[in-house]
Amino acid sequence: MAEKIRALVIYEILGRPADHIKISLEQLLDHIGENKGITITNRKVHEPRVIEEEKKKKMGITQDVYSTFAEVEFTIDGLELLFTLLVNTLPSTIEIIEPSELRVKNFDLGGMLSQLVIKLHRYDEVAKALQMEKVQLINLAKEMDKKIRDLGGESPVRFDGPDEKSNVEEKKSSKKK
């Protein structure tokens, strides 16, 4: 049987409304606790707080957004299950309380690392797809901007590259004449 591990993790969540993020976090913890081999021994979900204005500006958000976190202590049946939990739920931090030392077989470590690599490849695929879509949308917006300007309109979208700035200046001065 795998060695039991006692750990403390912190899960954070950001969103709105405040009640929703707290309920979502509670549901996540309930779901974790339902898993065979995981026993939650202590959990505390903190009340949501409004994100500070400075942080909202950095994130490009104007509306009120809330943040909350939960401290969860649990006992789990082995390092492999712990690793699976971490990869699938992505806590902010983890502290292994007991045991003070862990022994891992090469085969088990290879399986855990493979699981991590698979997850990273999926994230990489999503990131690349989103990047391609972003480029396509920017190109489409630039085409639409050009057509609007060619028809004498003023586009609500600004692309202030060197060429676009000079075109805007030329069109404004030609309209005045």
Protein backbone atom coordinates (compact mmCIF):
# COMPACT_ATOMS: atom_id res chain seq x y z
CA MET A 1 0.00 0.00 0.00
CA ALA A 2 1.15 3.54 -0.76
CA GLU A 3 2.50 5.70 2.03
CA LYS A 4 -0.05 8.16 3.47
CA ILE A 5 0.80 11.81 3.04
CA ARG A 6 -0.54 14.64 5.14
CA ALA A 7 -0.54 17.97 3.33
CA LEU A 8 -1.84 21.51 3.49
CA VAL A 9 -2.88 23.28 0.29
CA ILE A 10 -4.28 26.69 -0.50
CA TYR A 11 -6.79 27.19 -3.29
CA GLU A 12 -7.54 30.69 -4.55
CA ILE A 13 -10.36 31.86 -6.77
CA LEU A 14 -11.11 35.18 -8.43
CA GLY A 15 -14.39 36.32 -9.95
CA ARG A 16 -17.81 37.70 -9.24
CA PRO A 17 -20.26 37.85 -7.67
CA ALA A 18 -18.77 37.22 -4.25
CA ASP A 19 -21.27 34.53 -3.26
CA HIS A 20 -20.62 32.62 -6.46
CA ILE A 21 -16.86 32.31 -5.97
CA LYS A 22 -17.29 31.18 -2.38
CA ILE A 23 -19.86 28.55 -3.39
CA SER A 24 -17.65 27.39 -6.27
CA LEU A 25 -14.70 26.96 -3.96
CA GLU A 26 -16.82 25.05 -1.44
CA GLN A 27 -18.05 22.77 -4.25
CA LEU A 28 -14.48 22.14 -5.41
CA LEU A 29 -13.49 21.09 -1.89
CA ASP A 30 -16.58 18.87 -1.58
CA HIS A 31 -15.65 17.21 -4.87
CA ILE A 32 -12.05 16.66 -3.76
CA GLY A 33 -13.25 15.12 -0.50
CA GLU A 34 -15.42 12.60 -2.41
CA ASN A 35 -12.38 11.01 -4.04
CA LYS A 36 -11.26 7.61 -2.82
CA GLY A 37 -7.94 7.90 -1.01
CA ILE A 38 -8.39 11.55 0.02
CA THR A 39 -9.62 12.54 3.47
CA ILE A 40 -10.03 16.23 4.21
CA THR A 41 -9.20 16.70 7.88
CA ASN A 42 -9.60 20.47 8.07
CA ARG A 43 -10.79 23.19 5.74
CA LYS A 44 -11.45 26.90 6.04
CA VAL A 45 -12.94 28.97 3.25
CA HIS A 46 -12.37 32.67 3.81
CA GLU A 47 -14.88 35.39 3.03
CA PRO A 48 -14.48 37.01 -0.42
CA ARG A 49 -12.88 40.45 -0.59
CA VAL A 50 -12.96 43.07 -3.32
CA ILE A 51 -9.75 43.24 -5.35
CA GLU A 52 -7.82 46.49 -4.86
CA GLU A 53 -8.06 49.15 -7.58
CA GLU A 54 -4.36 48.89 -8.42
CA LYS A 55 -4.63 45.13 -9.03
CA LYS A 56 -7.79 45.62 -11.11
CA LYS A 57 -5.96 48.14 -13.30
CA LYS A 58 -3.10 45.68 -13.86
CA MET A 59 -5.62 43.05 -14.95
CA GLY A 60 -7.48 45.53 -17.17
CA ILE A 61 -10.70 45.19 -15.17
CA THR A 62 -13.01 48.07 -14.30
CA GLN A 63 -15.80 46.23 -12.44
CA ASP A 64 -15.59 44.99 -8.87
CA VAL A 65 -13.95 41.56 -8.74
CA TYR A 66 -13.67 39.41 -5.66
CA SER A 67 -11.05 37.02 -4.38
CA THR A 68 -11.23 34.29 -1.79
CA PHE A 69 -9.11 31.37 -0.71
CA ALA A 70 -9.35 28.14 1.22
CA GLU A 71 -6.83 26.42 3.45
CA VAL A 72 -7.27 22.66 3.21
CA GLU A 73 -5.49 19.99 5.21
CA PHE A 74 -5.90 16.42 4.06
CA THR A 75 -4.49 12.92 4.20
CA ILE A 76 -3.94 11.26 0.85
CA ASP A 77 -3.00 7.72 -0.18
CA GLY A 78 0.40 8.18 -1.76
CA LEU A 79 2.46 10.52 -3.86
CA GLU A 80 0.88 9.51 -7.17
CA LEU A 81 -2.62 10.45 -5.99
CA LEU A 82 -1.25 13.70 -4.53
CA PHE A 83 0.41 14.51 -7.83
CA THR A 84 -2.81 13.77 -9.73
CA LEU A 85 -4.77 16.02 -7.39
CA LEU A 86 -2.28 18.86 -7.79
CA VAL A 87 -2.13 18.63 -11.58
CA ASN A 88 -5.92 18.55 -11.88
CA THR A 89 -6.89 21.18 -9.30
CA LEU A 90 -3.87 23.55 -9.44
CA PRO A 91 -3.70 24.89 -5.88
CA SER A 92 -1.71 28.05 -5.19
CA THR A 93 0.60 26.40 -2.69
CA ILE A 94 1.25 23.06 -1.06
CA GLU A 95 3.06 22.07 2.10
CA ILE A 96 3.73 18.44 2.85
CA ILE A 97 3.40 18.03 6.62
CA GLU A 98 4.13 14.31 6.92
CA PRO A 99 6.18 12.27 6.22
CA SER A 100 9.40 14.25 6.41
CA GLU A 101 10.95 12.10 3.64
CA LEU A 102 9.44 10.36 0.63
CA ARG A 103 10.80 7.47 -1.42
CA VAL A 104 9.71 7.15 -5.03
CA LYS A 105 10.26 4.32 -7.47
CA ASN A 106 11.55 5.34 -10.89
CA PHE A 107 8.49 3.81 -12.56
CA ASP A 108 6.09 5.79 -10.37
CA LEU A 109 8.00 9.03 -10.87
CA GLY A 110 8.03 8.47 -14.63
CA GLY A 111 4.24 8.02 -14.59
CA MET A 112 3.72 11.21 -12.62
CA LEU A 113 6.04 13.21 -14.86
CA SER A 114 4.30 11.84 -17.96
CA GLN A 115 0.99 13.01 -16.51
CA LEU A 116 2.46 16.48 -16.03
CA VAL A 117 3.90 16.59 -19.54
CA ILE A 118 0.54 15.58 -21.05
CA LYS A 119 -1.19 18.39 -19.16
CA LEU A 120 1.47 20.90 -20.26
CA HIS A 121 1.10 19.82 -23.89
CA ARG A 122 -2.66 20.41 -23.67
CA TYR A 123 -2.08 23.91 -22.27
CA ASP A 124 0.48 24.56 -25.00
CA GLU A 125 -2.03 23.49 -27.67
CA VAL A 126 -4.66 25.83 -26.26
CA ALA A 127 -2.19 28.72 -26.02
CA LYS A 128 -1.04 28.25 -29.61
CA ALA A 129 -4.61 28.00 -30.89
CA LEU A 130 -5.57 31.18 -29.03
CA GLN A 131 -2.51 32.98 -30.39
CA MET A 132 -3.44 31.98 -33.96
CA GLU A 133 -7.03 33.12 -33.42
CA LYS A 134 -5.79 36.43 -32.01
CA VAL A 135 -3.63 37.05 -35.08
CA GLN A 136 -6.56 36.18 -37.36
CA LEU A 137 -8.88 38.56 -35.49
CA ILE A 138 -6.34 41.38 -35.58
CA ASN A 139 -5.83 40.89 -39.32
CA LEU A 140 -9.59 40.86 -39.88
CA ALA A 141 -10.01 44.02 -37.79
CA LYS A 142 -7.24 45.72 -39.79
CA GLU A 143 -8.95 44.76 -43.06
CA MET A 144 -12.24 46.15 -41.81
CA ASP A 145 -10.49 49.29 -40.58
CA LYS A 146 -8.92 49.80 -44.00
CA LYS A 147 -12.25 49.32 -45.82
CA ILE A 148 -14.01 51.78 -43.51
CA ARG A 149 -11.26 54.37 -44.03
CA ASP A 150 -11.21 53.79 -47.82
CA LEU A 151 -14.94 54.54 -47.87
CA GLY A 152 -14.31 57.80 -46.01
CA GLY A 153 -15.53 56.64 -42.63
CA GLU A 154 -13.80 56.75 -39.32
CA SER A 155 -13.11 53.39 -37.78
CA PRO A 156 -13.88 52.86 -34.11
CA VAL A 157 -10.75 50.71 -33.90
CA ARG A 158 -7.30 52.27 -33.83
CA PHE A 159 -4.18 50.59 -35.13
CA ASP A 160 -1.51 53.14 -34.41
CA GLY A 161 1.43 51.72 -36.25
CA PRO A 162 3.67 54.04 -38.32
CA ASP A 163 1.71 53.46 -41.54
CA GLU A 164 -1.70 53.82 -39.94
CA LYS A 165 -0.81 57.11 -38.22
CA SER A 166 0.38 58.71 -41.43
CA ASN A 167 -2.75 57.51 -43.27
CA VAL A 168 -4.99 58.98 -40.59
CA GLU A 169 -3.13 62.32 -40.70
CA GLU A 170 -3.28 62.44 -44.53
CA LYS A 171 -7.01 61.69 -44.61
CA LYS A 172 -7.78 64.30 -41.95
CA SER A 173 -5.81 66.97 -43.81
CA SER A 174 -7.42 66.03 -47.17
CA LYS A 175 -10.91 66.34 -45.63
CA LYS A 176 -10.11 69.90 -44.44
CA LYS A 177 -9.11 71.03 -47.97
